[in-house]
Amino acid sequence: MDSLIEIQCPVCHASLWVDTVAKQVVQHKRSEKKVHSSFEDLLDKEKRKKEAVEERFSQAKSLEQAKKKKAAEFFEQTIKEK
């Protein structure tokens, strides 16, 4: 049975390798992820997300308007043919 286990910290994402027989930490590795970012970075990220959502919404809205216009034109054309 393997006596080494790897444990990952949920807060800092560091990894610890623990020998369960000797009850000692064998190895430690810090996370390469950036754990904390500044408040301004978070605000900028949320602002970009909001702008992207608004852009997609406006594109979807204009596409729906174009579909409605095309459907109305098709409806008028079929009425004129009869």
N, C-alpha and C. Protein backbone atom coordinates (compact mmCIF):
# COMPACT_ATOMS: atom_id res chain seq x y z
N MET A 1 0.84 -1.17 0.00
CA MET A 1 0.00 0.00 0.00
C MET A 1 0.89 1.24 0.00
N ASP A 2 0.53 2.23 -0.78
CA ASP A 2 1.33 3.44 -0.90
C ASP A 2 1.14 4.31 0.33
N SER A 3 2.24 4.77 0.88
CA SER A 3 2.15 5.57 2.09
C SER A 3 2.18 7.06 1.82
N LEU A 4 2.29 7.46 0.54
CA LEU A 4 2.29 8.89 0.20
C LEU A 4 0.91 9.30 -0.30
N ILE A 5 0.43 10.42 0.20
CA ILE A 5 -0.81 11.00 -0.31
C ILE A 5 -0.54 12.45 -0.67
N GLU A 6 -1.27 12.92 -1.66
CA GLU A 6 -1.14 14.32 -2.06
C GLU A 6 -2.38 15.06 -1.58
N ILE A 7 -2.15 16.19 -0.96
CA ILE A 7 -3.23 17.02 -0.45
C ILE A 7 -3.10 18.39 -1.08
N GLN A 8 -4.22 18.91 -1.58
CA GLN A 8 -4.20 20.24 -2.19
C GLN A 8 -5.00 21.20 -1.30
N CYS A 9 -4.38 22.33 -0.98
CA CYS A 9 -5.01 23.33 -0.14
C CYS A 9 -6.11 24.03 -0.93
N PRO A 10 -7.34 24.10 -0.39
CA PRO A 10 -8.43 24.76 -1.11
C PRO A 10 -8.29 26.29 -1.14
N VAL A 11 -7.46 26.84 -0.27
CA VAL A 11 -7.31 28.29 -0.20
C VAL A 11 -6.20 28.79 -1.13
N CYS A 12 -5.00 28.24 -0.97
CA CYS A 12 -3.86 28.74 -1.76
C CYS A 12 -3.49 27.83 -2.91
N HIS A 13 -4.14 26.66 -3.03
CA HIS A 13 -3.93 25.69 -4.10
C HIS A 13 -2.52 25.10 -4.11
N ALA A 14 -1.84 25.13 -2.97
CA ALA A 14 -0.53 24.50 -2.85
C ALA A 14 -0.73 22.99 -2.70
N SER A 15 0.29 22.24 -3.08
CA SER A 15 0.23 20.78 -2.96
C SER A 15 1.19 20.32 -1.88
N LEU A 16 0.73 19.40 -1.04
CA LEU A 16 1.55 18.78 -0.01
C LEU A 16 1.56 17.28 -0.24
N TRP A 17 2.74 16.67 -0.16
CA TRP A 17 2.85 15.22 -0.22
C TRP A 17 3.20 14.77 1.19
N VAL A 18 2.35 13.93 1.75
CA VAL A 18 2.49 13.50 3.14
C VAL A 18 2.74 12.00 3.19
N ASP A 19 3.75 11.62 3.97
CA ASP A 19 4.03 10.21 4.22
C ASP A 19 3.17 9.81 5.42
N THR A 20 2.18 8.94 5.18
CA THR A 20 1.24 8.58 6.24
C THR A 20 1.87 7.67 7.29
N VAL A 21 2.93 6.95 6.94
CA VAL A 21 3.58 6.07 7.90
C VAL A 21 4.46 6.90 8.85
N ALA A 22 5.28 7.78 8.26
CA ALA A 22 6.18 8.60 9.08
C ALA A 22 5.48 9.84 9.63
N LYS A 23 4.27 10.14 9.09
CA LYS A 23 3.49 11.31 9.50
C LYS A 23 4.30 12.59 9.34
N GLN A 24 4.89 12.73 8.14
CA GLN A 24 5.70 13.90 7.82
C GLN A 24 5.36 14.40 6.43
N VAL A 25 5.54 15.71 6.24
CA VAL A 25 5.40 16.30 4.92
C VAL A 25 6.69 16.01 4.17
N VAL A 26 6.56 15.34 3.04
CA VAL A 26 7.73 14.96 2.25
C VAL A 26 8.09 16.05 1.26
N GLN A 27 7.08 16.64 0.65
CA GLN A 27 7.33 17.64 -0.38
C GLN A 27 6.21 18.67 -0.36
N HIS A 28 6.56 19.89 -0.74
CA HIS A 28 5.60 20.99 -0.80
C HIS A 28 5.81 21.73 -2.12
N LYS A 29 4.73 22.04 -2.80
CA LYS A 29 4.85 22.80 -4.05
C LYS A 29 3.81 23.90 -4.04
N ARG A 30 4.26 25.12 -4.23
CA ARG A 30 3.34 26.25 -4.29
C ARG A 30 2.59 26.25 -5.61
N SER A 31 1.44 26.85 -5.57
CA SER A 31 0.62 26.94 -6.76
C SER A 31 1.21 27.95 -7.72
N GLU A 32 1.07 27.64 -9.02
CA GLU A 32 1.54 28.57 -10.04
C GLU A 32 0.44 29.54 -10.44
N LYS A 33 -0.77 29.29 -9.94
CA LYS A 33 -1.89 30.16 -10.24
C LYS A 33 -1.76 31.44 -9.45
N LYS A 34 -2.26 32.51 -10.04
CA LYS A 34 -2.32 33.77 -9.32
C LYS A 34 -3.55 33.70 -8.43
N VAL A 35 -3.33 33.68 -7.13
CA VAL A 35 -4.42 33.46 -6.19
C VAL A 35 -5.22 34.73 -6.00
N HIS A 36 -4.55 35.83 -5.79
CA HIS A 36 -5.24 37.08 -5.52
C HIS A 36 -5.03 38.05 -6.67
N SER A 37 -6.05 38.79 -6.99
CA SER A 37 -5.91 39.85 -7.97
C SER A 37 -6.48 41.12 -7.35
N SER A 38 -6.09 42.22 -7.90
CA SER A 38 -6.52 43.48 -7.30
C SER A 38 -8.00 43.72 -7.59
N PHE A 39 -8.59 44.57 -6.79
CA PHE A 39 -9.99 44.91 -6.93
C PHE A 39 -10.24 45.56 -8.29
N GLU A 40 -9.30 46.39 -8.74
CA GLU A 40 -9.45 47.06 -10.04
C GLU A 40 -9.44 46.04 -11.18
N ASP A 41 -8.61 45.02 -11.06
CA ASP A 41 -8.58 43.97 -12.09
C ASP A 41 -9.93 43.24 -12.15
N LEU A 42 -10.48 42.95 -10.99
CA LEU A 42 -11.78 42.28 -10.95
C LEU A 42 -12.87 43.17 -11.55
N LEU A 43 -12.83 44.48 -11.25
CA LEU A 43 -13.82 45.40 -11.81
C LEU A 43 -13.69 45.48 -13.33
N ASP A 44 -12.44 45.54 -13.82
CA ASP A 44 -12.23 45.58 -15.28
C ASP A 44 -12.75 44.31 -15.94
N LYS A 45 -12.50 43.18 -15.31
CA LYS A 45 -12.95 41.89 -15.86
C LYS A 45 -14.48 41.86 -15.93
N GLU A 46 -15.14 42.30 -14.88
CA GLU A 46 -16.60 42.32 -14.88
C GLU A 46 -17.15 43.31 -15.89
N LYS A 47 -16.46 44.43 -16.06
CA LYS A 47 -16.89 45.43 -17.05
C LYS A 47 -16.80 44.85 -18.46
N ARG A 48 -15.72 44.14 -18.75
CA ARG A 48 -15.57 43.51 -20.07
C ARG A 48 -16.63 42.45 -20.29
N LYS A 49 -16.94 41.67 -19.25
CA LYS A 49 -18.01 40.67 -19.36
C LYS A 49 -19.34 41.33 -19.68
N LYS A 50 -19.63 42.42 -18.97
CA LYS A 50 -20.90 43.12 -19.16
C LYS A 50 -20.98 43.67 -20.58
N GLU A 51 -19.89 44.26 -21.07
CA GLU A 51 -19.88 44.80 -22.42
C GLU A 51 -20.08 43.70 -23.46
N ALA A 52 -19.47 42.55 -23.24
CA ALA A 52 -19.62 41.44 -24.17
C ALA A 52 -21.06 40.94 -24.19
N VAL A 53 -21.68 40.87 -23.02
CA VAL A 53 -23.07 40.43 -22.95
C VAL A 53 -23.98 41.43 -23.65
N GLU A 54 -23.74 42.71 -23.43
CA GLU A 54 -24.55 43.74 -24.07
C GLU A 54 -24.39 43.70 -25.60
N GLU A 55 -23.17 43.44 -26.06
CA GLU A 55 -22.91 43.35 -27.50
C GLU A 55 -23.65 42.15 -28.10
N ARG A 56 -23.58 41.01 -27.43
CA ARG A 56 -24.29 39.83 -27.92
C ARG A 56 -25.80 40.05 -27.90
N PHE A 57 -26.29 40.74 -26.88
CA PHE A 57 -27.72 41.02 -26.80
C PHE A 57 -28.16 41.92 -27.96
N SER A 58 -27.38 42.96 -28.24
CA SER A 58 -27.75 43.86 -29.33
C SER A 58 -27.69 43.15 -30.68
N GLN A 59 -26.73 42.25 -30.86
CA GLN A 59 -26.65 41.48 -32.09
C GLN A 59 -27.87 40.56 -32.23
N ALA A 60 -28.24 39.92 -31.14
CA ALA A 60 -29.41 39.03 -31.17
C ALA A 60 -30.68 39.84 -31.44
N LYS A 61 -30.77 41.02 -30.88
CA LYS A 61 -31.94 41.86 -31.08
C LYS A 61 -32.05 42.29 -32.53
N SER A 62 -30.94 42.72 -33.13
CA SER A 62 -30.99 43.13 -34.53
C SER A 62 -31.28 41.95 -35.45
N LEU A 63 -30.79 40.77 -35.11
CA LEU A 63 -31.08 39.57 -35.89
C LEU A 63 -32.57 39.24 -35.82
N GLU A 64 -33.16 39.34 -34.64
CA GLU A 64 -34.60 39.09 -34.49
C GLU A 64 -35.41 40.11 -35.29
N GLN A 65 -35.00 41.36 -35.27
CA GLN A 65 -35.71 42.39 -36.02
C GLN A 65 -35.63 42.10 -37.52
N ALA A 66 -34.46 41.65 -37.98
CA ALA A 66 -34.31 41.31 -39.39
C ALA A 66 -35.20 40.12 -39.76
N LYS A 67 -35.29 39.13 -38.86
CA LYS A 67 -36.16 37.98 -39.12
C LYS A 67 -37.63 38.40 -39.19
N LYS A 68 -38.03 39.29 -38.27
CA LYS A 68 -39.42 39.77 -38.28
C LYS A 68 -39.73 40.52 -39.56
N LYS A 69 -38.78 41.35 -39.99
CA LYS A 69 -38.97 42.13 -41.22
C LYS A 69 -39.10 41.20 -42.42
N LYS A 70 -38.23 40.19 -42.48
CA LYS A 70 -38.28 39.25 -43.60
C LYS A 70 -39.58 38.46 -43.58
N ALA A 71 -40.05 38.06 -42.40
CA ALA A 71 -41.31 37.32 -42.28
C ALA A 71 -42.49 38.20 -42.70
N ALA A 72 -42.45 39.48 -42.31
CA ALA A 72 -43.53 40.39 -42.69
C ALA A 72 -43.55 40.61 -44.20
N GLU A 73 -42.37 40.75 -44.81
CA GLU A 73 -42.30 40.91 -46.26
C GLU A 73 -42.82 39.67 -46.97
N PHE A 74 -42.44 38.49 -46.46
CA PHE A 74 -42.91 37.25 -47.06
C PHE A 74 -44.43 37.14 -46.93
N PHE A 75 -44.98 37.52 -45.77
CA PHE A 75 -46.41 37.49 -45.55
C PHE A 75 -47.13 38.43 -46.52
N GLU A 76 -46.62 39.64 -46.68
CA GLU A 76 -47.23 40.61 -47.60
C GLU A 76 -47.16 40.10 -49.05
N GLN A 77 -46.05 39.47 -49.38
CA GLN A 77 -45.89 38.95 -50.75
C GLN A 77 -46.92 37.84 -51.02
N THR A 78 -47.10 36.95 -50.06
CA THR A 78 -48.05 35.85 -50.27
C THR A 78 -49.48 36.36 -50.32
N ILE A 79 -49.79 37.41 -49.59
CA ILE A 79 -51.13 37.99 -49.63
C ILE A 79 -51.39 38.62 -51.01
N LYS A 80 -50.40 39.31 -51.56
CA LYS A 80 -50.55 39.97 -52.85
C LYS A 80 -50.72 38.94 -53.98
N GLU A 81 -50.09 37.78 -53.84
CA GLU A 81 -50.18 36.75 -54.88
C GLU A 81 -51.56 36.11 -54.94
N LYS A 82 -52.29 36.11 -53.87
CA LYS A 82 -53.61 35.46 -53.85
C LYS A 82 -54.67 36.33 -54.34
